[in-house]
N, C-alpha and C. Protein backbone atom coordinates (compact mmCIF):
# COMPACT_ATOMS: atom_id res chain seq x y z
N MET A 1 208.39 55.32 97.05
CA MET A 1 207.20 56.00 96.61
C MET A 1 207.49 56.69 95.28
N THR A 2 206.49 56.86 94.46
CA THR A 2 206.63 57.46 93.15
C THR A 2 206.63 58.98 93.25
N SER A 3 207.42 59.64 92.39
CA SER A 3 207.50 61.10 92.43
C SER A 3 206.32 61.76 91.72
N HIS A 4 205.64 61.06 90.79
CA HIS A 4 204.51 61.63 90.07
C HIS A 4 203.24 61.46 90.90
N ALA A 5 202.37 62.47 90.85
CA ALA A 5 201.10 62.38 91.58
C ALA A 5 200.15 61.40 90.90
N TYR A 6 200.21 61.36 89.55
CA TYR A 6 199.34 60.47 88.77
C TYR A 6 200.19 59.70 87.77
N LEU A 7 199.90 58.42 87.62
CA LEU A 7 200.64 57.59 86.68
C LEU A 7 199.74 57.22 85.50
N THR A 8 200.34 57.18 84.34
CA THR A 8 199.63 56.73 83.15
C THR A 8 199.56 55.20 83.18
N LEU A 9 198.78 54.66 82.27
CA LEU A 9 198.66 53.21 82.16
C LEU A 9 200.03 52.56 81.97
N GLU A 10 200.84 53.13 81.09
CA GLU A 10 202.17 52.58 80.82
C GLU A 10 203.06 52.63 82.05
N GLU A 11 202.95 53.71 82.83
CA GLU A 11 203.75 53.84 84.05
C GLU A 11 203.32 52.83 85.12
N VAL A 12 202.02 52.55 85.17
CA VAL A 12 201.53 51.54 86.12
C VAL A 12 202.07 50.17 85.73
N ILE A 13 202.04 49.85 84.45
CA ILE A 13 202.58 48.57 83.97
C ILE A 13 204.07 48.46 84.32
N THR A 14 204.80 49.55 84.13
CA THR A 14 206.22 49.57 84.48
C THR A 14 206.41 49.42 85.98
N ARG A 15 205.59 50.10 86.77
CA ARG A 15 205.69 50.02 88.24
C ARG A 15 205.59 48.57 88.70
N TYR A 16 204.71 47.80 88.07
CA TYR A 16 204.53 46.39 88.46
C TYR A 16 205.33 45.45 87.57
N ARG A 17 206.37 45.99 86.94
CA ARG A 17 207.36 45.22 86.17
C ARG A 17 206.73 44.33 85.11
N GLY A 18 205.65 44.80 84.50
CA GLY A 18 205.01 44.06 83.42
C GLY A 18 204.20 42.87 83.88
N GLN A 19 204.02 42.70 85.20
CA GLN A 19 203.27 41.56 85.71
C GLN A 19 201.77 41.80 85.69
N VAL A 20 201.38 43.06 85.46
CA VAL A 20 199.97 43.41 85.28
C VAL A 20 199.86 44.01 83.88
N SER A 21 199.04 43.43 83.05
CA SER A 21 198.95 43.89 81.66
C SER A 21 197.91 44.99 81.50
N GLU A 22 197.97 45.64 80.35
CA GLU A 22 196.99 46.68 80.01
C GLU A 22 195.58 46.10 80.00
N SER A 23 195.42 44.91 79.45
CA SER A 23 194.09 44.31 79.39
C SER A 23 193.58 43.93 80.78
N THR A 24 194.47 43.51 81.67
CA THR A 24 194.06 43.20 83.04
C THR A 24 193.57 44.47 83.72
N LEU A 25 194.32 45.57 83.57
CA LEU A 25 193.90 46.84 84.16
C LEU A 25 192.57 47.29 83.58
N ARG A 26 192.38 47.11 82.28
CA ARG A 26 191.12 47.47 81.63
C ARG A 26 189.96 46.64 82.21
N ASN A 27 190.18 45.34 82.35
CA ASN A 27 189.14 44.47 82.92
C ASN A 27 188.82 44.85 84.36
N TRP A 28 189.86 45.12 85.14
CA TRP A 28 189.65 45.52 86.53
C TRP A 28 188.84 46.81 86.61
N ARG A 29 189.14 47.77 85.72
CA ARG A 29 188.37 49.03 85.72
C ARG A 29 186.91 48.75 85.40
N ALA A 30 186.65 47.90 84.44
CA ALA A 30 185.27 47.57 84.05
C ALA A 30 184.52 46.89 85.19
N MET A 31 185.22 46.06 85.96
CA MET A 31 184.60 45.34 87.07
C MET A 31 184.67 46.11 88.38
N ARG A 32 185.32 47.27 88.35
CA ARG A 32 185.50 48.12 89.53
C ARG A 32 186.26 47.40 90.64
N ILE A 33 187.30 46.67 90.25
CA ILE A 33 188.22 46.05 91.20
C ILE A 33 189.62 46.56 90.89
N GLY A 34 190.59 46.25 91.71
CA GLY A 34 191.95 46.71 91.47
C GLY A 34 192.16 48.10 92.02
N PRO A 35 193.24 48.74 91.60
CA PRO A 35 193.54 50.07 92.13
C PRO A 35 192.56 51.12 91.61
N SER A 36 192.29 52.13 92.45
CA SER A 36 191.42 53.23 92.06
C SER A 36 192.07 54.04 90.95
N PHE A 37 191.24 54.68 90.13
CA PHE A 37 191.75 55.45 89.00
C PHE A 37 190.89 56.68 88.78
N ILE A 38 191.40 57.58 87.98
CA ILE A 38 190.67 58.79 87.59
C ILE A 38 190.56 58.76 86.07
N LYS A 39 189.39 59.09 85.55
CA LYS A 39 189.22 59.15 84.12
C LYS A 39 188.84 60.58 83.73
N ILE A 40 189.66 61.17 82.88
CA ILE A 40 189.41 62.52 82.38
C ILE A 40 189.31 62.40 80.87
N GLY A 41 188.09 62.49 80.36
CA GLY A 41 187.88 62.23 78.94
C GLY A 41 188.22 60.77 78.67
N LYS A 42 189.14 60.54 77.75
CA LYS A 42 189.60 59.18 77.46
C LYS A 42 190.84 58.80 78.26
N ALA A 43 191.43 59.78 78.93
CA ALA A 43 192.66 59.53 79.69
C ALA A 43 192.35 58.83 81.01
N VAL A 44 193.07 57.75 81.29
CA VAL A 44 192.95 57.03 82.55
C VAL A 44 194.24 57.26 83.32
N LEU A 45 194.10 57.77 84.54
CA LEU A 45 195.26 58.04 85.39
C LEU A 45 195.08 57.36 86.73
N TYR A 46 196.18 56.90 87.29
CA TYR A 46 196.17 56.23 88.58
C TYR A 46 196.92 57.09 89.58
N PRO A 47 196.24 57.58 90.64
CA PRO A 47 196.95 58.35 91.66
C PRO A 47 198.00 57.47 92.35
N ALA A 48 199.21 57.96 92.45
CA ALA A 48 200.29 57.19 93.08
C ALA A 48 199.92 56.81 94.51
N SER A 49 199.25 57.72 95.22
CA SER A 49 198.86 57.42 96.60
C SER A 49 197.87 56.25 96.66
N GLU A 50 196.99 56.14 95.66
CA GLU A 50 196.04 55.03 95.62
C GLU A 50 196.74 53.71 95.28
N LEU A 51 197.75 53.78 94.41
CA LEU A 51 198.53 52.57 94.11
C LEU A 51 199.27 52.10 95.36
N ASP A 52 199.82 53.05 96.14
CA ASP A 52 200.50 52.69 97.39
C ASP A 52 199.51 52.05 98.36
N ARG A 53 198.31 52.62 98.46
CA ARG A 53 197.27 52.06 99.34
C ARG A 53 196.87 50.66 98.88
N TRP A 54 196.70 50.49 97.57
CA TRP A 54 196.31 49.20 97.03
C TRP A 54 197.40 48.15 97.27
N ASP A 55 198.66 48.58 97.12
CA ASP A 55 199.78 47.67 97.42
C ASP A 55 199.68 47.16 98.85
N LYS A 56 199.46 48.08 99.78
CA LYS A 56 199.38 47.70 101.19
C LYS A 56 198.20 46.78 101.46
N SER A 57 197.09 47.00 100.77
CA SER A 57 195.92 46.15 100.99
C SER A 57 196.13 44.74 100.45
N ASN A 58 197.08 44.58 99.54
CA ASN A 58 197.37 43.26 98.97
C ASN A 58 198.62 42.62 99.56
N LEU A 59 199.18 43.25 100.57
CA LEU A 59 200.39 42.73 101.20
C LEU A 59 200.09 41.41 101.91
N VAL A 60 200.89 40.41 101.65
CA VAL A 60 200.76 39.12 102.31
C VAL A 60 201.73 39.11 103.47
N VAL A 61 201.20 39.02 104.68
CA VAL A 61 202.03 39.05 105.87
C VAL A 61 202.36 37.62 106.27
N CYS A 62 203.63 37.35 106.41
CA CYS A 62 204.09 36.02 106.79
C CYS A 62 204.51 36.01 108.25
N ARG A 63 204.36 34.89 108.87
CA ARG A 63 204.80 34.78 110.26
C ARG A 63 206.31 34.61 110.28
N THR A 64 206.91 34.95 111.38
CA THR A 64 208.35 34.77 111.51
C THR A 64 208.65 33.29 111.70
N SER A 65 209.81 32.88 111.26
CA SER A 65 210.18 31.48 111.44
C SER A 65 210.58 31.25 112.89
N ARG A 66 210.35 30.05 113.32
CA ARG A 66 210.70 29.70 114.69
C ARG A 66 212.17 29.33 114.71
N SER A 67 212.94 30.02 115.48
CA SER A 67 214.38 29.77 115.54
C SER A 67 214.68 28.59 116.44
N LEU A 68 215.64 27.80 116.03
CA LEU A 68 216.13 26.72 116.88
C LEU A 68 217.16 27.27 117.84
N PRO A 69 217.21 26.74 119.04
CA PRO A 69 218.28 27.16 119.95
C PRO A 69 219.63 26.85 119.32
N LEU A 70 220.64 27.61 119.63
CA LEU A 70 221.96 27.49 119.01
C LEU A 70 222.53 26.08 119.15
N GLU A 71 222.31 25.43 120.27
CA GLU A 71 222.86 24.07 120.45
C GLU A 71 222.20 23.05 119.51
N ASP A 72 220.96 23.30 119.06
CA ASP A 72 220.29 22.39 118.14
C ASP A 72 220.90 22.43 116.74
N TYR A 73 221.50 23.55 116.37
CA TYR A 73 222.14 23.66 115.04
C TYR A 73 223.33 22.70 114.93
N ALA A 74 224.01 22.45 116.01
CA ALA A 74 225.17 21.56 115.99
C ALA A 74 224.75 20.13 115.67
N SER A 75 223.57 19.71 116.13
CA SER A 75 223.12 18.35 115.89
C SER A 75 222.58 18.16 114.47
N ILE A 76 222.25 19.25 113.78
CA ILE A 76 221.73 19.16 112.41
C ILE A 76 222.86 18.82 111.44
N GLY A 77 224.00 19.46 111.58
CA GLY A 77 225.10 19.34 110.62
C GLY A 77 225.90 18.16 110.87
């Protein structure tokens, strides 16, 4: 979890390792999709708690793999 209560645009880009660009965030704000944000004057801030919530809402859950019985591994190799 992030130590700051609110992240700047640059901090959000860093949080997502540059995989979400400034223009993407701008477009998402205009379309009202993506993570929630706060706008104070011209400043756009993203609450860390909202980014955490948004991360969880986009989590892709995978099923567990089906394990082979131990004796079946011997026949594979």
